[in-house]
């Protein structure tokens, strides 16, 4: 589906599971030398946010000229590796202002017992073509 097909309030459910291998790949890619994440089997918070956004982008075709303008993250608890997780991602803003579309998604990540682990907010701006 396309971003323009969604209405404010539309919620998408995204299943996630961060393997230790994925965490290791993330650590190599970011240059994070801490072995704590692997030793404790904990998902680094920036990887949680990136994982939610990556899966959202698989479900929603975003315009090629979308600019990622902001991101907020709140971790309420550690996110364990190799755990089944569910992110509910809601389009909370979609408006046109002065030649651009502004879109904001908010996500809540819970574990299988519905305990809130993480919240994220992603904002983007799409400049409209001038004719």
C-alpha atoms as a PDB file:
ATOM      1  CA  UNK A   1       0.000   0.000   0.000  1.00  0.00           C
ATOM      2  CA  UNK A   2       1.040   3.614  -0.532  1.00  0.00           C
ATOM      3  CA  UNK A   3       1.347   6.268   2.144  1.00  0.00           C
ATOM      4  CA  UNK A   4      -1.451   8.244   0.432  1.00  0.00           C
ATOM      5  CA  UNK A   5      -3.786   5.234   0.864  1.00  0.00           C
ATOM      6  CA  UNK A   6      -3.641   5.491   4.670  1.00  0.00           C
ATOM      7  CA  UNK A   7      -5.880   7.609   6.861  1.00  0.00           C
ATOM      8  CA  UNK A   8      -4.890   9.198  10.154  1.00  0.00           C
ATOM      9  CA  UNK A   9      -5.614   6.557  12.764  1.00  0.00           C
ATOM     10  CA  UNK A  10      -4.723   3.610  10.522  1.00  0.00           C
ATOM     11  CA  UNK A  11      -2.791   1.065  12.581  1.00  0.00           C
ATOM     12  CA  UNK A  12      -0.515  -1.609  11.161  1.00  0.00           C
ATOM     13  CA  UNK A  13       0.666  -4.569  13.221  1.00  0.00           C
ATOM     14  CA  UNK A  14       4.253  -5.628  12.680  1.00  0.00           C
ATOM     15  CA  UNK A  15       5.800  -8.814  14.042  1.00  0.00           C
ATOM     16  CA  UNK A  16       9.456  -8.564  15.041  1.00  0.00           C
ATOM     17  CA  UNK A  17      12.118 -10.861  16.399  1.00  0.00           C
ATOM     18  CA  UNK A  18      15.703  -9.646  16.744  1.00  0.00           C
ATOM     19  CA  UNK A  19      18.160 -12.543  16.540  1.00  0.00           C
ATOM     20  CA  UNK A  20      21.578 -12.421  18.162  1.00  0.00           C
ATOM     21  CA  UNK A  21      22.969 -12.584  14.612  1.00  0.00           C
ATOM     22  CA  UNK A  22      21.023  -9.428  13.629  1.00  0.00           C
ATOM     23  CA  UNK A  23      22.289  -7.679  16.776  1.00  0.00           C
ATOM     24  CA  UNK A  24      25.847  -8.696  15.893  1.00  0.00           C
ATOM     25  CA  UNK A  25      25.441  -7.372  12.341  1.00  0.00           C
ATOM     26  CA  UNK A  26      24.101  -4.087  13.748  1.00  0.00           C
ATOM     27  CA  UNK A  27      27.064  -3.765  16.125  1.00  0.00           C
ATOM     28  CA  UNK A  28      29.540  -4.318  13.287  1.00  0.00           C
ATOM     29  CA  UNK A  29      27.716  -1.845  11.018  1.00  0.00           C
ATOM     30  CA  UNK A  30      27.656   0.876  13.694  1.00  0.00           C
ATOM     31  CA  UNK A  31      31.120   0.214  15.099  1.00  0.00           C
ATOM     32  CA  UNK A  32      29.708  -0.438  18.574  1.00  0.00           C
ATOM     33  CA  UNK A  33      32.418  -2.449  20.280  1.00  0.00           C
ATOM     34  CA  UNK A  34      30.445  -3.300  23.411  1.00  0.00           C
ATOM     35  CA  UNK A  35      29.927  -7.027  23.914  1.00  0.00           C
ATOM     36  CA  UNK A  36      27.204  -6.366  26.531  1.00  0.00           C
ATOM     37  CA  UNK A  37      24.404  -6.557  23.960  1.00  0.00           C
ATOM     38  CA  UNK A  38      25.402 -10.067  22.858  1.00  0.00           C
ATOM     39  CA  UNK A  39      26.430 -11.259  26.316  1.00  0.00           C
ATOM     40  CA  UNK A  40      23.102 -10.136  27.842  1.00  0.00           C
ATOM     41  CA  UNK A  41      21.014 -10.955  24.717  1.00  0.00           C
ATOM     42  CA  UNK A  42      19.546  -7.449  24.668  1.00  0.00           C
ATOM     43  CA  UNK A  43      18.550  -5.506  21.556  1.00  0.00           C
ATOM     44  CA  UNK A  44      20.183  -2.042  21.401  1.00  0.00           C
ATOM     45  CA  UNK A  45      17.412   0.612  21.455  1.00  0.00           C
ATOM     46  CA  UNK A  46      18.494   2.260  18.178  1.00  0.00           C
ATOM     47  CA  UNK A  47      18.196  -1.150  16.481  1.00  0.00           C
ATOM     48  CA  UNK A  48      14.660  -1.534  17.852  1.00  0.00           C
ATOM     49  CA  UNK A  49      13.624   1.780  16.286  1.00  0.00           C
ATOM     50  CA  UNK A  50      15.389   0.980  13.016  1.00  0.00           C
ATOM     51  CA  UNK A  51      13.785  -2.469  12.931  1.00  0.00           C
ATOM     52  CA  UNK A  52      10.290  -1.055  13.373  1.00  0.00           C
ATOM     53  CA  UNK A  53      10.892   1.551  10.669  1.00  0.00           C
ATOM     54  CA  UNK A  54      12.381  -1.015   8.265  1.00  0.00           C
ATOM     55  CA  UNK A  55       9.370  -3.315   8.639  1.00  0.00           C
ATOM     56  CA  UNK A  56       6.972  -0.370   8.259  1.00  0.00           C
ATOM     57  CA  UNK A  57       8.712   0.496   5.000  1.00  0.00           C
ATOM     58  CA  UNK A  58       8.106  -3.063   3.764  1.00  0.00           C
ATOM     59  CA  UNK A  59       4.363  -2.630   4.306  1.00  0.00           C
ATOM     60  CA  UNK A  60       3.935   0.982   3.218  1.00  0.00           C
ATOM     61  CA  UNK A  61       5.476   2.291   0.008  1.00  0.00           C
ATOM     62  CA  UNK A  62       6.900   5.640   0.958  1.00  0.00           C
ATOM     63  CA  UNK A  63       7.585   8.334  -1.651  1.00  0.00           C
ATOM     64  CA  UNK A  64      11.154   8.386  -2.996  1.00  0.00           C
ATOM     65  CA  UNK A  65      11.572  12.036  -1.971  1.00  0.00           C
ATOM     66  CA  UNK A  66      10.551  11.463   1.665  1.00  0.00           C
ATOM     67  CA  UNK A  67      12.879  13.177   4.130  1.00  0.00           C
ATOM     68  CA  UNK A  68      13.160  11.593   7.578  1.00  0.00           C
ATOM     69  CA  UNK A  69      12.812  14.703   9.749  1.00  0.00           C
ATOM     70  CA  UNK A  70      12.589  13.355  13.257  1.00  0.00           C
ATOM     71  CA  UNK A  71      12.570  10.381  15.524  1.00  0.00           C
ATOM     72  CA  UNK A  72      11.840   9.989  19.218  1.00  0.00           C
ATOM     73  CA  UNK A  73      12.331   6.784  21.165  1.00  0.00           C
ATOM     74  CA  UNK A  74      11.482   5.765  24.714  1.00  0.00           C
ATOM     75  CA  UNK A  75      12.630   2.430  26.108  1.00  0.00           C
ATOM     76  CA  UNK A  76      10.531   1.224  29.046  1.00  0.00           C
ATOM     77  CA  UNK A  77      12.364  -2.041  29.483  1.00  0.00           C
ATOM     78  CA  UNK A  78      15.078  -4.050  27.823  1.00  0.00           C
ATOM     79  CA  UNK A  79      14.077  -5.754  24.596  1.00  0.00           C
ATOM     80  CA  UNK A  80      15.245  -9.363  24.717  1.00  0.00           C
ATOM     81  CA  UNK A  81      16.866 -11.000  21.705  1.00  0.00           C
ATOM     82  CA  UNK A  82      15.140 -13.974  20.077  1.00  0.00           C
ATOM     83  CA  UNK A  83      11.721 -12.947  21.425  1.00  0.00           C
ATOM     84  CA  UNK A  84       8.480 -12.625  19.525  1.00  0.00           C
ATOM     85  CA  UNK A  85       7.400  -8.993  19.616  1.00  0.00           C
ATOM     86  CA  UNK A  86       4.530  -6.970  18.179  1.00  0.00           C
ATOM     87  CA  UNK A  87       4.697  -3.333  17.115  1.00  0.00           C
ATOM     88  CA  UNK A  88       1.449  -1.457  16.575  1.00  0.00           C
ATOM     89  CA  UNK A  89       2.281   1.429  14.256  1.00  0.00           C
ATOM     90  CA  UNK A  90      -0.301   4.192  13.799  1.00  0.00           C
ATOM     91  CA  UNK A  91      -0.349   7.045  11.310  1.00  0.00           C
ATOM     92  CA  UNK A  92      -0.981   9.975  13.659  1.00  0.00           C
ATOM     93  CA  UNK A  93      -0.459  12.898  11.299  1.00  0.00           C
ATOM     94  CA  UNK A  94      -0.868  13.307   7.561  1.00  0.00           C
ATOM     95  CA  UNK A  95      -1.293  16.866   6.406  1.00  0.00           C
ATOM     96  CA  UNK A  96      -0.358  19.160   3.572  1.00  0.00           C
ATOM     97  CA  UNK A  97       1.317  22.422   4.488  1.00  0.00           C
ATOM     98  CA  UNK A  98       2.960  24.972   2.197  1.00  0.00           C
ATOM     99  CA  UNK A  99       3.915  22.596  -0.583  1.00  0.00           C
ATOM    100  CA  UNK A 100       4.773  19.556   1.474  1.00  0.00           C
ATOM    101  CA  UNK A 101       3.131  16.544   3.071  1.00  0.00           C
ATOM    102  CA  UNK A 102       3.958  15.932   6.707  1.00  0.00           C
ATOM    103  CA  UNK A 103       3.484  12.383   8.023  1.00  0.00           C
ATOM    104  CA  UNK A 104       4.055  11.021  11.515  1.00  0.00           C
ATOM    105  CA  UNK A 105       3.867   7.427  12.705  1.00  0.00           C
ATOM    106  CA  UNK A 106       3.816   6.362  16.348  1.00  0.00           C
ATOM    107  CA  UNK A 107       4.710   2.831  17.408  1.00  0.00           C
ATOM    108  CA  UNK A 108       4.253   0.787  20.582  1.00  0.00           C
ATOM    109  CA  UNK A 109       6.279  -2.405  20.944  1.00  0.00           C
ATOM    110  CA  UNK A 110       5.014  -5.126  23.282  1.00  0.00           C
ATOM    111  CA  UNK A 111       6.106  -8.641  24.158  1.00  0.00           C
ATOM    112  CA  UNK A 112       3.871 -11.728  24.045  1.00  0.00           C
ATOM    113  CA  UNK A 113       2.383 -10.839  27.444  1.00  0.00           C
ATOM    114  CA  UNK A 114       1.449  -7.345  26.147  1.00  0.00           C
ATOM    115  CA  UNK A 115       4.025  -5.568  28.336  1.00  0.00           C
ATOM    116  CA  UNK A 116       5.013  -2.248  26.747  1.00  0.00           C
ATOM    117  CA  UNK A 117       8.745  -2.319  26.051  1.00  0.00           C
ATOM    118  CA  UNK A 118       9.353   0.555  23.671  1.00  0.00           C
ATOM    119  CA  UNK A 119       7.690   3.557  22.015  1.00  0.00           C
ATOM    120  CA  UNK A 120       8.835   5.387  18.928  1.00  0.00           C
ATOM    121  CA  UNK A 121       7.686   8.313  16.843  1.00  0.00           C
ATOM    122  CA  UNK A 122       8.872   8.775  13.254  1.00  0.00           C
ATOM    123  CA  UNK A 123       8.254  11.977  11.270  1.00  0.00           C
ATOM    124  CA  UNK A 124       8.804  12.679   7.617  1.00  0.00           C
ATOM    125  CA  UNK A 125       8.247  15.394   5.071  1.00  0.00           C
ATOM    126  CA  UNK A 126       7.475  14.931   1.366  1.00  0.00           C
ATOM    127  CA  UNK A 127       8.088  18.016  -0.791  1.00  0.00           C
ATOM    128  CA  UNK A 128       5.407  18.334  -3.474  1.00  0.00           C
ATOM    129  CA  UNK A 129       6.403  18.970  -7.069  1.00  0.00           C
ATOM    130  CA  UNK A 130       5.688  22.512  -8.171  1.00  0.00           C
ATOM    131  CA  UNK A 131       4.000  22.775 -11.554  1.00  0.00           C
END
